[in-house]
N, C-alpha and C. Protein backbone atom coordinates (compact mmCIF):
# COMPACT_ATOMS: atom_id res chain seq x y z
N MET A 1 -2.94 -13.34 -21.87
CA MET A 1 -3.72 -12.25 -21.31
C MET A 1 -4.08 -12.58 -19.87
N HIS A 2 -4.23 -11.53 -19.08
CA HIS A 2 -4.67 -11.68 -17.71
C HIS A 2 -6.19 -11.59 -17.66
N GLY A 3 -6.78 -12.13 -16.59
CA GLY A 3 -8.23 -12.11 -16.43
C GLY A 3 -8.82 -10.72 -16.49
N VAL A 4 -8.12 -9.74 -15.90
CA VAL A 4 -8.61 -8.35 -15.90
C VAL A 4 -8.70 -7.82 -17.33
N GLU A 5 -7.71 -8.17 -18.16
CA GLU A 5 -7.73 -7.73 -19.56
C GLU A 5 -8.90 -8.34 -20.32
N VAL A 6 -9.12 -9.63 -20.13
CA VAL A 6 -10.24 -10.32 -20.79
C VAL A 6 -11.55 -9.69 -20.34
N ARG A 7 -11.68 -9.46 -19.04
CA ARG A 7 -12.89 -8.85 -18.50
C ARG A 7 -13.16 -7.50 -19.15
N THR A 8 -12.14 -6.67 -19.25
CA THR A 8 -12.29 -5.33 -19.81
C THR A 8 -12.64 -5.39 -21.30
N ILE A 9 -11.90 -6.17 -22.05
CA ILE A 9 -12.13 -6.26 -23.50
C ILE A 9 -13.52 -6.77 -23.82
N LEU A 10 -13.98 -7.80 -23.10
CA LEU A 10 -15.27 -8.41 -23.40
C LEU A 10 -16.43 -7.79 -22.62
N GLY A 11 -16.13 -6.87 -21.71
CA GLY A 11 -17.18 -6.24 -20.94
C GLY A 11 -17.85 -7.16 -19.94
N LEU A 12 -17.08 -8.11 -19.39
CA LEU A 12 -17.62 -9.03 -18.40
C LEU A 12 -17.75 -8.32 -17.05
N LYS A 13 -18.66 -8.80 -16.21
CA LYS A 13 -18.88 -8.17 -14.91
C LYS A 13 -17.84 -8.57 -13.87
N SER A 14 -17.08 -9.62 -14.14
CA SER A 14 -16.15 -10.13 -13.14
C SER A 14 -14.99 -10.85 -13.82
N THR A 15 -13.89 -10.96 -13.11
CA THR A 15 -12.79 -11.79 -13.58
C THR A 15 -12.96 -13.23 -13.11
N ASN A 16 -14.01 -13.48 -12.37
CA ASN A 16 -14.32 -14.84 -11.92
C ASN A 16 -15.20 -15.48 -12.99
N PHE A 17 -14.55 -16.00 -14.04
CA PHE A 17 -15.30 -16.58 -15.14
C PHE A 17 -14.68 -17.89 -15.60
N GLU A 18 -15.48 -18.66 -16.31
CA GLU A 18 -15.06 -19.92 -16.88
C GLU A 18 -15.35 -19.86 -18.37
N ILE A 19 -14.43 -20.32 -19.18
CA ILE A 19 -14.63 -20.36 -20.63
C ILE A 19 -14.97 -21.79 -21.01
N ILE A 20 -16.13 -21.95 -21.65
CA ILE A 20 -16.59 -23.27 -22.05
C ILE A 20 -16.56 -23.34 -23.57
N LYS A 21 -15.77 -24.27 -24.11
CA LYS A 21 -15.65 -24.41 -25.56
C LYS A 21 -16.77 -25.29 -26.08
N GLY A 22 -17.53 -24.75 -27.01
CA GLY A 22 -18.60 -25.52 -27.66
C GLY A 22 -18.20 -25.84 -29.08
N GLU A 23 -19.16 -26.28 -29.86
CA GLU A 23 -18.91 -26.57 -31.28
C GLU A 23 -18.98 -25.26 -32.05
N GLY A 24 -17.82 -24.71 -32.35
CA GLY A 24 -17.77 -23.47 -33.11
C GLY A 24 -18.00 -22.21 -32.30
N ASN A 25 -18.03 -22.32 -30.97
CA ASN A 25 -18.24 -21.12 -30.14
C ASN A 25 -17.62 -21.31 -28.76
N PHE A 26 -17.57 -20.22 -28.04
CA PHE A 26 -17.11 -20.22 -26.65
C PHE A 26 -18.18 -19.54 -25.81
N THR A 27 -18.44 -20.07 -24.64
CA THR A 27 -19.39 -19.47 -23.70
C THR A 27 -18.63 -19.06 -22.46
N PHE A 28 -18.89 -17.84 -22.00
CA PHE A 28 -18.27 -17.35 -20.78
C PHE A 28 -19.30 -17.42 -19.66
N SER A 29 -19.01 -18.19 -18.64
CA SER A 29 -19.87 -18.29 -17.47
C SER A 29 -19.25 -17.41 -16.39
N VAL A 30 -19.93 -16.32 -16.04
CA VAL A 30 -19.38 -15.32 -15.13
C VAL A 30 -20.10 -15.38 -13.79
N VAL A 31 -19.32 -15.33 -12.71
CA VAL A 31 -19.86 -15.34 -11.36
C VAL A 31 -19.53 -14.02 -10.69
N GLY A 32 -20.53 -13.34 -10.16
CA GLY A 32 -20.31 -12.13 -9.36
C GLY A 32 -19.98 -10.90 -10.17
N ASN A 33 -19.49 -9.90 -9.45
CA ASN A 33 -19.10 -8.63 -10.03
C ASN A 33 -17.70 -8.29 -9.54
N GLY A 34 -16.97 -7.51 -10.29
CA GLY A 34 -15.64 -7.07 -9.87
C GLY A 34 -14.58 -8.10 -10.18
N HIS A 35 -13.66 -8.32 -9.24
CA HIS A 35 -12.52 -9.19 -9.46
C HIS A 35 -12.76 -10.61 -8.93
N GLY A 36 -13.97 -10.87 -8.51
CA GLY A 36 -14.25 -12.21 -8.01
C GLY A 36 -13.77 -12.47 -6.61
N VAL A 37 -13.46 -11.43 -5.87
CA VAL A 37 -12.99 -11.62 -4.51
C VAL A 37 -13.89 -10.95 -3.49
N GLY A 38 -15.06 -10.54 -3.89
CA GLY A 38 -16.00 -9.97 -2.92
C GLY A 38 -16.45 -8.58 -3.25
N MET A 39 -15.80 -7.57 -2.69
CA MET A 39 -16.28 -6.21 -2.79
C MET A 39 -15.51 -5.42 -3.84
N SER A 40 -16.27 -4.73 -4.69
CA SER A 40 -15.68 -3.84 -5.69
C SER A 40 -15.29 -2.53 -5.01
N GLN A 41 -14.03 -2.16 -5.09
CA GLN A 41 -13.59 -0.90 -4.48
C GLN A 41 -14.25 0.29 -5.18
N THR A 42 -14.36 0.21 -6.49
CA THR A 42 -14.99 1.30 -7.24
C THR A 42 -16.47 1.41 -6.87
N GLY A 43 -17.13 0.27 -6.79
CA GLY A 43 -18.54 0.26 -6.41
C GLY A 43 -18.75 0.76 -4.99
N ALA A 44 -17.91 0.33 -4.07
CA ALA A 44 -18.01 0.77 -2.68
C ALA A 44 -17.77 2.27 -2.58
N ASP A 45 -16.79 2.78 -3.32
CA ASP A 45 -16.51 4.21 -3.33
C ASP A 45 -17.70 5.00 -3.86
N SER A 46 -18.31 4.48 -4.92
CA SER A 46 -19.48 5.15 -5.50
C SER A 46 -20.64 5.20 -4.51
N LEU A 47 -20.88 4.08 -3.81
CA LEU A 47 -21.95 4.05 -2.81
C LEU A 47 -21.65 5.01 -1.66
N ALA A 48 -20.40 5.07 -1.23
CA ALA A 48 -20.02 5.99 -0.15
C ALA A 48 -20.25 7.44 -0.57
N LYS A 49 -19.91 7.77 -1.80
CA LYS A 49 -20.12 9.13 -2.31
C LYS A 49 -21.60 9.48 -2.42
N GLN A 50 -22.45 8.45 -2.51
CA GLN A 50 -23.89 8.66 -2.53
C GLN A 50 -24.48 8.75 -1.13
N GLY A 51 -23.62 8.59 -0.11
CA GLY A 51 -24.06 8.76 1.26
C GLY A 51 -24.33 7.47 2.02
N TYR A 52 -24.06 6.31 1.42
CA TYR A 52 -24.27 5.06 2.13
C TYR A 52 -23.18 4.87 3.19
N GLY A 53 -23.55 4.28 4.31
CA GLY A 53 -22.60 4.00 5.38
C GLY A 53 -21.89 2.68 5.15
N TYR A 54 -20.86 2.44 5.94
CA TYR A 54 -20.05 1.24 5.72
C TYR A 54 -20.85 -0.05 5.91
N GLN A 55 -21.80 -0.05 6.86
CA GLN A 55 -22.59 -1.26 7.06
C GLN A 55 -23.50 -1.54 5.86
N GLU A 56 -24.10 -0.49 5.31
CA GLU A 56 -24.95 -0.66 4.12
C GLU A 56 -24.12 -1.15 2.93
N ILE A 57 -22.92 -0.61 2.80
CA ILE A 57 -22.05 -1.01 1.69
C ILE A 57 -21.63 -2.48 1.84
N LEU A 58 -21.23 -2.88 3.04
CA LEU A 58 -20.85 -4.27 3.26
C LEU A 58 -22.02 -5.21 2.97
N LYS A 59 -23.22 -4.84 3.41
CA LYS A 59 -24.39 -5.69 3.19
C LYS A 59 -24.79 -5.74 1.71
N HIS A 60 -24.45 -4.70 0.98
CA HIS A 60 -24.73 -4.69 -0.47
C HIS A 60 -23.88 -5.75 -1.18
N PHE A 61 -22.61 -5.84 -0.83
CA PHE A 61 -21.70 -6.76 -1.50
C PHE A 61 -21.71 -8.15 -0.90
N TYR A 62 -21.98 -8.25 0.38
CA TYR A 62 -21.99 -9.55 1.06
C TYR A 62 -23.40 -9.79 1.60
N THR A 63 -24.29 -10.19 0.70
CA THR A 63 -25.69 -10.36 1.05
C THR A 63 -25.88 -11.46 2.10
N GLY A 64 -26.82 -11.24 2.96
CA GLY A 64 -27.15 -12.22 3.99
C GLY A 64 -26.24 -12.19 5.22
N ILE A 65 -25.37 -11.18 5.30
CA ILE A 65 -24.48 -11.12 6.46
C ILE A 65 -25.14 -10.40 7.62
N GLU A 66 -24.60 -10.61 8.79
CA GLU A 66 -25.02 -9.88 9.98
C GLU A 66 -23.79 -9.23 10.58
N ILE A 67 -23.88 -7.97 10.85
CA ILE A 67 -22.74 -7.23 11.42
C ILE A 67 -22.97 -7.09 12.91
N THR A 68 -22.05 -7.61 13.71
CA THR A 68 -22.18 -7.55 15.16
C THR A 68 -20.87 -7.04 15.77
N LYS A 69 -20.97 -6.55 16.97
CA LYS A 69 -19.80 -6.07 17.70
C LYS A 69 -19.19 -7.24 18.47
N LEU A 70 -17.88 -7.40 18.34
CA LEU A 70 -17.18 -8.45 19.10
C LEU A 70 -16.76 -7.87 20.44
N ASN A 71 -16.85 -8.69 21.46
CA ASN A 71 -16.46 -8.24 22.81
C ASN A 71 -14.98 -8.38 23.01
């Protein structure tokens, strides 16, 4: 199975996960949302349809960033 399939079947928030085998169980440690590569296209599209601008959307997915103009 691919990570996207596992994510969908198990309802995980991201494909960026680790499977930890315990005694008689498995634990999924999930990091982030989406595909584990930063910004969710579906989420960004949803925010844009709600009227958010590109800077607000970028700051939503990449917290702590500063957007500046390059000369």
